[in-house]
């Protein structure tokens, strides 16, 4: 991907010389370099260790396995479609059950596209993963619609480990087809869509076209299974 750097290219003055007829252009100073990592979240500790009453009530209405995810932006309650993506759900729950997601970052906010997390500790430190990559389950009836959760991966279809992303809008172009591999959807937000929308609009630093980090870290305090 092309790397972009935020530069100030505003024209401050355009002067015609009365003597020589030359044109002089004064350009503003370049913007300072981007910080190496986003600012720490001002609330590093979880305000609670339990899913809310409303979150538990939403979970009780689902027939699927359900997790509660507490972030510094609020609470998300997510049902997991193990009938359609059993490998992916089992992998995600293995990370949940070992507290892997505790104090990790939502490290990417691509506005009106996706919000991504599950692979970094505060300070953008890559978190070692104890589990092997999984087989891609992208040939299901599920689609990357608004509010669904899917696994992030590299160009290798079978490379997903811990990183997940939430679809801010309908992103059907990420679905697998007979012509291309897609991304494995394995659940959906059943409570907390306003939290996703709040994440979507935070200011970001653009390091590259795909590396868009919140200027202030968004923390995932914990993820726990509640059903």
C-alpha atoms as a PDB file:
ATOM      1  CA  UNK A   1       0.000   0.000   0.000  1.00  0.00           C
ATOM      2  CA  UNK A   2       1.081   3.522  -0.696  1.00  0.00           C
ATOM      3  CA  UNK A   3       2.238   5.229   2.469  1.00  0.00           C
ATOM      4  CA  UNK A   4       0.845   8.677   3.002  1.00  0.00           C
ATOM      5  CA  UNK A   5       2.175  11.334   5.309  1.00  0.00           C
ATOM      6  CA  UNK A   6       0.155  14.288   6.491  1.00  0.00           C
ATOM      7  CA  UNK A   7       1.826  17.396   5.127  1.00  0.00           C
ATOM      8  CA  UNK A   8       0.660  20.995   5.145  1.00  0.00           C
ATOM      9  CA  UNK A   9       0.762  22.147   1.539  1.00  0.00           C
ATOM     10  CA  UNK A  10      -1.233  25.339   1.931  1.00  0.00           C
ATOM     11  CA  UNK A  11      -0.099  28.324  -0.132  1.00  0.00           C
ATOM     12  CA  UNK A  12       0.630  31.293   2.134  1.00  0.00           C
ATOM     13  CA  UNK A  13       1.531  33.944  -0.439  1.00  0.00           C
ATOM     14  CA  UNK A  14       1.962  34.422  -4.169  1.00  0.00           C
ATOM     15  CA  UNK A  15       3.959  37.596  -4.956  1.00  0.00           C
ATOM     16  CA  UNK A  16       4.823  39.222  -8.278  1.00  0.00           C
ATOM     17  CA  UNK A  17       8.209  40.957  -8.284  1.00  0.00           C
ATOM     18  CA  UNK A  18       7.984  44.563  -9.508  1.00  0.00           C
ATOM     19  CA  UNK A  19      11.582  44.520 -10.639  1.00  0.00           C
ATOM     20  CA  UNK A  20      12.340  41.235 -12.273  1.00  0.00           C
ATOM     21  CA  UNK A  21       8.841  39.987 -12.930  1.00  0.00           C
ATOM     22  CA  UNK A  22       9.646  36.727 -11.130  1.00  0.00           C
ATOM     23  CA  UNK A  23       7.074  34.751  -9.144  1.00  0.00           C
ATOM     24  CA  UNK A  24       7.860  33.895  -5.545  1.00  0.00           C
ATOM     25  CA  UNK A  25       5.887  31.213  -3.749  1.00  0.00           C
ATOM     26  CA  UNK A  26       6.004  30.835   0.018  1.00  0.00           C
ATOM     27  CA  UNK A  27       4.842  27.441   1.239  1.00  0.00           C
ATOM     28  CA  UNK A  28       3.840  26.585   4.792  1.00  0.00           C
ATOM     29  CA  UNK A  29       6.094  24.441   6.952  1.00  0.00           C
ATOM     30  CA  UNK A  30       5.427  20.673   6.840  1.00  0.00           C
ATOM     31  CA  UNK A  31       3.286  19.334   9.641  1.00  0.00           C
ATOM     32  CA  UNK A  32       5.238  17.682  12.475  1.00  0.00           C
ATOM     33  CA  UNK A  33       5.730  13.915  12.105  1.00  0.00           C
ATOM     34  CA  UNK A  34       3.036  11.661  13.446  1.00  0.00           C
ATOM     35  CA  UNK A  35       3.633  10.204  16.918  1.00  0.00           C
ATOM     36  CA  UNK A  36       4.947   6.624  16.840  1.00  0.00           C
ATOM     37  CA  UNK A  37       1.928   5.402  18.816  1.00  0.00           C
ATOM     38  CA  UNK A  38      -1.452   6.864  19.848  1.00  0.00           C
ATOM     39  CA  UNK A  39      -1.946   8.554  23.194  1.00  0.00           C
ATOM     40  CA  UNK A  40      -2.720   6.243  26.153  1.00  0.00           C
ATOM     41  CA  UNK A  41      -6.344   6.018  27.171  1.00  0.00           C
ATOM     42  CA  UNK A  42      -7.002   8.208  30.232  1.00  0.00           C
ATOM     43  CA  UNK A  43      -8.980   5.368  31.846  1.00  0.00           C
ATOM     44  CA  UNK A  44      -6.654   2.346  31.705  1.00  0.00           C
ATOM     45  CA  UNK A  45      -8.637   0.275  34.196  1.00  0.00           C
ATOM     46  CA  UNK A  46     -12.006  -1.333  33.555  1.00  0.00           C
ATOM     47  CA  UNK A  47     -14.866   0.444  35.357  1.00  0.00           C
ATOM     48  CA  UNK A  48     -16.518  -2.944  35.972  1.00  0.00           C
ATOM     49  CA  UNK A  49     -15.654  -6.599  35.661  1.00  0.00           C
ATOM     50  CA  UNK A  50     -19.147  -7.767  34.783  1.00  0.00           C
ATOM     51  CA  UNK A  51     -21.571  -7.516  31.914  1.00  0.00           C
ATOM     52  CA  UNK A  52     -24.375  -5.033  32.539  1.00  0.00           C
ATOM     53  CA  UNK A  53     -27.926  -6.050  33.434  1.00  0.00           C
ATOM     54  CA  UNK A  54     -29.073  -4.855  30.007  1.00  0.00           C
ATOM     55  CA  UNK A  55     -26.301  -6.835  28.337  1.00  0.00           C
ATOM     56  CA  UNK A  56     -27.238 -10.012  30.198  1.00  0.00           C
ATOM     57  CA  UNK A  57     -30.885  -9.492  29.268  1.00  0.00           C
ATOM     58  CA  UNK A  58     -29.939  -9.205  25.590  1.00  0.00           C
ATOM     59  CA  UNK A  59     -27.832 -12.356  25.866  1.00  0.00           C
ATOM     60  CA  UNK A  60     -30.722 -14.258  27.427  1.00  0.00           C
ATOM     61  CA  UNK A  61     -32.844 -13.568  24.342  1.00  0.00           C
ATOM     62  CA  UNK A  62     -30.316 -15.216  22.006  1.00  0.00           C
ATOM     63  CA  UNK A  63     -30.194 -18.916  21.133  1.00  0.00           C
ATOM     64  CA  UNK A  64     -26.481 -18.667  20.300  1.00  0.00           C
ATOM     65  CA  UNK A  65     -23.320 -18.501  22.406  1.00  0.00           C
ATOM     66  CA  UNK A  66     -22.901 -14.881  23.511  1.00  0.00           C
ATOM     67  CA  UNK A  67     -19.949 -12.800  24.686  1.00  0.00           C
ATOM     68  CA  UNK A  68     -19.887  -9.447  26.409  1.00  0.00           C
ATOM     69  CA  UNK A  69     -17.046  -7.129  25.362  1.00  0.00           C
ATOM     70  CA  UNK A  70     -16.277  -4.083  27.489  1.00  0.00           C
ATOM     71  CA  UNK A  71     -14.335  -1.331  25.766  1.00  0.00           C
ATOM     72  CA  UNK A  72     -13.387   2.186  26.768  1.00  0.00           C
ATOM     73  CA  UNK A  73     -16.138   3.317  24.374  1.00  0.00           C
ATOM     74  CA  UNK A  74     -18.791   1.134  25.989  1.00  0.00           C
ATOM     75  CA  UNK A  75     -20.212  -2.376  26.063  1.00  0.00           C
ATOM     76  CA  UNK A  76     -20.838  -4.669  23.104  1.00  0.00           C
ATOM     77  CA  UNK A  77     -22.877  -7.864  23.351  1.00  0.00           C
ATOM     78  CA  UNK A  78     -22.183 -10.271  20.494  1.00  0.00           C
ATOM     79  CA  UNK A  79     -23.866 -13.542  19.555  1.00  0.00           C
ATOM     80  CA  UNK A  80     -21.663 -16.157  17.871  1.00  0.00           C
ATOM     81  CA  UNK A  81     -22.864 -18.346  15.006  1.00  0.00           C
ATOM     82  CA  UNK A  82     -21.161 -21.633  15.820  1.00  0.00           C
ATOM     83  CA  UNK A  83     -23.551 -23.562  13.571  1.00  0.00           C
ATOM     84  CA  UNK A  84     -22.252 -21.743  10.487  1.00  0.00           C
ATOM     85  CA  UNK A  85     -18.626 -21.015  11.436  1.00  0.00           C
ATOM     86  CA  UNK A  86     -17.685 -23.638  14.039  1.00  0.00           C
ATOM     87  CA  UNK A  87     -13.909 -23.394  13.579  1.00  0.00           C
ATOM     88  CA  UNK A  88     -13.943 -19.606  13.795  1.00  0.00           C
ATOM     89  CA  UNK A  89     -16.206 -19.468  16.832  1.00  0.00           C
ATOM     90  CA  UNK A  90     -14.178 -22.136  18.642  1.00  0.00           C
ATOM     91  CA  UNK A  91     -11.004 -20.163  17.944  1.00  0.00           C
ATOM     92  CA  UNK A  92     -12.516 -16.900  19.192  1.00  0.00           C
ATOM     93  CA  UNK A  93     -13.843 -18.533  22.357  1.00  0.00           C
ATOM     94  CA  UNK A  94     -10.455 -20.144  22.998  1.00  0.00           C
ATOM     95  CA  UNK A  95      -8.984 -16.642  23.093  1.00  0.00           C
ATOM     96  CA  UNK A  96     -11.840 -15.452  25.304  1.00  0.00           C
ATOM     97  CA  UNK A  97     -11.486 -18.356  27.739  1.00  0.00           C
ATOM     98  CA  UNK A  98      -7.753 -17.705  28.216  1.00  0.00           C
ATOM     99  CA  UNK A  99      -8.327 -13.942  28.749  1.00  0.00           C
ATOM    100  CA  UNK A 100      -6.248 -13.208  25.664  1.00  0.00           C
ATOM    101  CA  UNK A 101      -8.319 -10.133  24.800  1.00  0.00           C
ATOM    102  CA  UNK A 102      -7.943  -8.545  28.227  1.00  0.00           C
ATOM    103  CA  UNK A 103      -6.408  -5.063  27.889  1.00  0.00           C
ATOM    104  CA  UNK A 104      -5.980  -5.188  24.140  1.00  0.00           C
ATOM    105  CA  UNK A 105      -6.530  -2.376  21.659  1.00  0.00           C
ATOM    106  CA  UNK A 106      -9.066  -1.499  19.064  1.00  0.00           C
ATOM    107  CA  UNK A 107      -6.120  -0.479  16.929  1.00  0.00           C
ATOM    108  CA  UNK A 108      -7.750   0.385  13.594  1.00  0.00           C
ATOM    109  CA  UNK A 109     -10.697   2.661  12.846  1.00  0.00           C
ATOM    110  CA  UNK A 110     -11.365   2.909   9.115  1.00  0.00           C
ATOM    111  CA  UNK A 111     -14.269   5.363   9.130  1.00  0.00           C
ATOM    112  CA  UNK A 112     -17.544   4.067   7.709  1.00  0.00           C
ATOM    113  CA  UNK A 113     -15.864   0.745   6.934  1.00  0.00           C
ATOM    114  CA  UNK A 114     -14.506  -1.371   9.795  1.00  0.00           C
ATOM    115  CA  UNK A 115     -13.249  -1.194  13.378  1.00  0.00           C
ATOM    116  CA  UNK A 116     -10.525  -3.746  14.153  1.00  0.00           C
ATOM    117  CA  UNK A 117      -8.908  -5.105  17.311  1.00  0.00           C
ATOM    118  CA  UNK A 118      -7.649  -8.163  19.120  1.00  0.00           C
ATOM    119  CA  UNK A 119      -3.940  -8.217  18.336  1.00  0.00           C
ATOM    120  CA  UNK A 120      -2.125  -5.441  20.208  1.00  0.00           C
ATOM    121  CA  UNK A 121      -1.474  -4.373  23.787  1.00  0.00           C
ATOM    122  CA  UNK A 122      -1.365  -0.673  24.769  1.00  0.00           C
ATOM    123  CA  UNK A 123       1.509   1.135  23.107  1.00  0.00           C
ATOM    124  CA  UNK A 124       0.821  -0.791  19.869  1.00  0.00           C
ATOM    125  CA  UNK A 125       2.817  -3.776  21.105  1.00  0.00           C
ATOM    126  CA  UNK A 126       2.050  -6.900  19.081  1.00  0.00           C
ATOM    127  CA  UNK A 127       0.695  -9.564  21.426  1.00  0.00           C
ATOM    128  CA  UNK A 128       2.146 -13.084  21.029  1.00  0.00           C
ATOM    129  CA  UNK A 129      -0.501 -15.606  20.071  1.00  0.00           C
ATOM    130  CA  UNK A 130      -0.548 -19.097  21.611  1.00  0.00           C
ATOM    131  CA  UNK A 131      -2.903 -20.542  18.994  1.00  0.00           C
ATOM    132  CA  UNK A 132      -2.263 -21.660  15.433  1.00  0.00           C
ATOM    133  CA  UNK A 133      -3.921 -19.946  12.451  1.00  0.00           C
ATOM    134  CA  UNK A 134      -7.287 -21.361  11.450  1.00  0.00           C
ATOM    135  CA  UNK A 135      -8.962 -22.513   8.283  1.00  0.00           C
ATOM    136  CA  UNK A 136     -11.022 -19.821   6.561  1.00  0.00           C
ATOM    137  CA  UNK A 137     -14.787 -20.321   6.756  1.00  0.00           C
ATOM    138  CA  UNK A 138     -16.019 -17.877   4.118  1.00  0.00           C
ATOM    139  CA  UNK A 139     -18.425 -20.156   2.246  1.00  0.00           C
ATOM    140  CA  UNK A 140     -21.351 -19.801   4.655  1.00  0.00           C
ATOM    141  CA  UNK A 141     -24.731 -18.101   4.342  1.00  0.00           C
ATOM    142  CA  UNK A 142     -23.451 -15.253   6.496  1.00  0.00           C
ATOM    143  CA  UNK A 143     -22.575 -11.853   5.051  1.00  0.00           C
ATOM    144  CA  UNK A 144     -20.431  -8.911   6.212  1.00  0.00           C
ATOM    145  CA  UNK A 145     -23.396  -6.723   7.093  1.00  0.00           C
ATOM    146  CA  UNK A 146     -23.493  -3.801   9.502  1.00  0.00           C
ATOM    147  CA  UNK A 147     -22.809  -4.880  13.072  1.00  0.00           C
ATOM    148  CA  UNK A 148     -21.348  -8.288  12.230  1.00  0.00           C
ATOM    149  CA  UNK A 149     -17.993  -9.496  13.506  1.00  0.00           C
ATOM    150  CA  UNK A 150     -15.469 -11.273  11.273  1.00  0.00           C
ATOM    151  CA  UNK A 151     -11.883 -12.452  11.486  1.00  0.00           C
ATOM    152  CA  UNK A 152      -9.050 -10.353  10.085  1.00  0.00           C
ATOM    153  CA  UNK A 153      -6.367 -12.157   8.106  1.00  0.00           C
ATOM    154  CA  UNK A 154      -3.450 -11.597   5.765  1.00  0.00           C
ATOM    155  CA  UNK A 155      -3.402 -12.398   2.042  1.00  0.00           C
ATOM    156  CA  UNK A 156      -3.109 -16.052   3.053  1.00  0.00           C
ATOM    157  CA  UNK A 157      -6.740 -17.207   3.398  1.00  0.00           C
ATOM    158  CA  UNK A 158      -5.908 -19.535   6.288  1.00  0.00           C
ATOM    159  CA  UNK A 159      -3.978 -17.039   8.419  1.00  0.00           C
ATOM    160  CA  UNK A 160      -6.535 -15.687  10.921  1.00  0.00           C
ATOM    161  CA  UNK A 161      -5.509 -15.948  14.575  1.00  0.00           C
ATOM    162  CA  UNK A 162      -6.846 -13.439  17.122  1.00  0.00           C
ATOM    163  CA  UNK A 163      -7.706 -10.230  15.280  1.00  0.00           C
ATOM    164  CA  UNK A 164     -11.364  -9.490  14.608  1.00  0.00           C
ATOM    165  CA  UNK A 165     -13.179  -6.636  12.958  1.00  0.00           C
ATOM    166  CA  UNK A 166     -16.664  -5.163  13.216  1.00  0.00           C
ATOM    167  CA  UNK A 167     -18.461  -4.010  10.090  1.00  0.00           C
ATOM    168  CA  UNK A 168     -19.584  -0.411  10.502  1.00  0.00           C
ATOM    169  CA  UNK A 169     -21.694  -0.648   7.336  1.00  0.00           C
ATOM    170  CA  UNK A 170     -22.783  -3.378   4.924  1.00  0.00           C
ATOM    171  CA  UNK A 171     -19.520  -4.623   3.402  1.00  0.00           C
ATOM    172  CA  UNK A 172     -20.725  -7.404   1.142  1.00  0.00           C
ATOM    173  CA  UNK A 173     -17.589  -6.960  -0.964  1.00  0.00           C
ATOM    174  CA  UNK A 174     -15.754  -8.761   1.853  1.00  0.00           C
ATOM    175  CA  UNK A 175     -17.847 -11.907   1.433  1.00  0.00           C
ATOM    176  CA  UNK A 176     -16.385 -15.001  -0.146  1.00  0.00           C
ATOM    177  CA  UNK A 177     -17.613 -15.926  -3.625  1.00  0.00           C
ATOM    178  CA  UNK A 178     -16.841 -18.585  -6.211  1.00  0.00           C
ATOM    179  CA  UNK A 179     -14.343 -16.130  -7.708  1.00  0.00           C
ATOM    180  CA  UNK A 180     -12.511 -14.932  -4.587  1.00  0.00           C
ATOM    181  CA  UNK A 181     -11.894 -15.709  -0.935  1.00  0.00           C
ATOM    182  CA  UNK A 182     -13.537 -13.506   1.631  1.00  0.00           C
ATOM    183  CA  UNK A 183     -13.545 -12.943   5.394  1.00  0.00           C
ATOM    184  CA  UNK A 184     -15.159 -15.249   7.927  1.00  0.00           C
ATOM    185  CA  UNK A 185     -18.216 -13.749   9.595  1.00  0.00           C
ATOM    186  CA  UNK A 186     -18.983 -15.492  12.863  1.00  0.00           C
ATOM    187  CA  UNK A 187     -21.314 -13.282  14.882  1.00  0.00           C
ATOM    188  CA  UNK A 188     -23.313 -10.089  15.251  1.00  0.00           C
ATOM    189  CA  UNK A 189     -23.770  -7.288  17.775  1.00  0.00           C
ATOM    190  CA  UNK A 190     -27.139  -7.711  19.517  1.00  0.00           C
ATOM    191  CA  UNK A 191     -26.619  -4.850  21.969  1.00  0.00           C
ATOM    192  CA  UNK A 192     -24.271  -1.885  21.634  1.00  0.00           C
ATOM    193  CA  UNK A 193     -24.470  -0.629  18.045  1.00  0.00           C
ATOM    194  CA  UNK A 194     -24.188   2.988  19.313  1.00  0.00           C
ATOM    195  CA  UNK A 195     -20.813   1.991  20.817  1.00  0.00           C
ATOM    196  CA  UNK A 196     -19.623   0.845  17.400  1.00  0.00           C
ATOM    197  CA  UNK A 197     -20.837   4.123  15.903  1.00  0.00           C
ATOM    198  CA  UNK A 198     -18.963   6.083  18.582  1.00  0.00           C
ATOM    199  CA  UNK A 199     -15.739   4.246  17.736  1.00  0.00           C
ATOM    200  CA  UNK A 200     -16.309   4.935  14.059  1.00  0.00           C
ATOM    201  CA  UNK A 201     -16.039   8.715  14.445  1.00  0.00           C
ATOM    202  CA  UNK A 202     -13.008   9.061  16.715  1.00  0.00           C
ATOM    203  CA  UNK A 203     -10.098  11.115  15.292  1.00  0.00           C
ATOM    204  CA  UNK A 204      -7.377   8.943  13.805  1.00  0.00           C
ATOM    205  CA  UNK A 205      -3.770   9.134  12.689  1.00  0.00           C
ATOM    206  CA  UNK A 206      -3.277   7.925   9.120  1.00  0.00           C
ATOM    207  CA  UNK A 207       0.047   6.100   8.948  1.00  0.00           C
ATOM    208  CA  UNK A 208      -0.831   4.299   5.711  1.00  0.00           C
ATOM    209  CA  UNK A 209      -4.006   3.733   3.727  1.00  0.00           C
ATOM    210  CA  UNK A 210      -4.870   0.785   5.971  1.00  0.00           C
ATOM    211  CA  UNK A 211      -3.079   1.766   9.200  1.00  0.00           C
ATOM    212  CA  UNK A 212      -5.537   4.236  10.708  1.00  0.00           C
ATOM    213  CA  UNK A 213      -5.121   4.318  14.470  1.00  0.00           C
ATOM    214  CA  UNK A 214      -7.305   6.177  16.990  1.00  0.00           C
ATOM    215  CA  UNK A 215      -5.405   9.219  18.270  1.00  0.00           C
ATOM    216  CA  UNK A 216      -6.298   8.105  21.787  1.00  0.00           C
ATOM    217  CA  UNK A 217      -6.180   4.360  22.372  1.00  0.00           C
ATOM    218  CA  UNK A 218      -9.492   2.521  22.512  1.00  0.00           C
ATOM    219  CA  UNK A 219      -9.120  -0.279  25.034  1.00  0.00           C
ATOM    220  CA  UNK A 220     -10.807  -3.642  25.133  1.00  0.00           C
ATOM    221  CA  UNK A 221     -10.805  -4.186  28.885  1.00  0.00           C
ATOM    222  CA  UNK A 222     -12.129  -7.734  28.749  1.00  0.00           C
ATOM    223  CA  UNK A 223     -14.290 -10.187  26.812  1.00  0.00           C
ATOM    224  CA  UNK A 224     -16.309 -12.778  28.723  1.00  0.00           C
ATOM    225  CA  UNK A 225     -18.731 -15.459  27.664  1.00  0.00           C
ATOM    226  CA  UNK A 226     -22.145 -14.903  29.223  1.00  0.00           C
ATOM    227  CA  UNK A 227     -24.207 -17.554  27.442  1.00  0.00           C
END
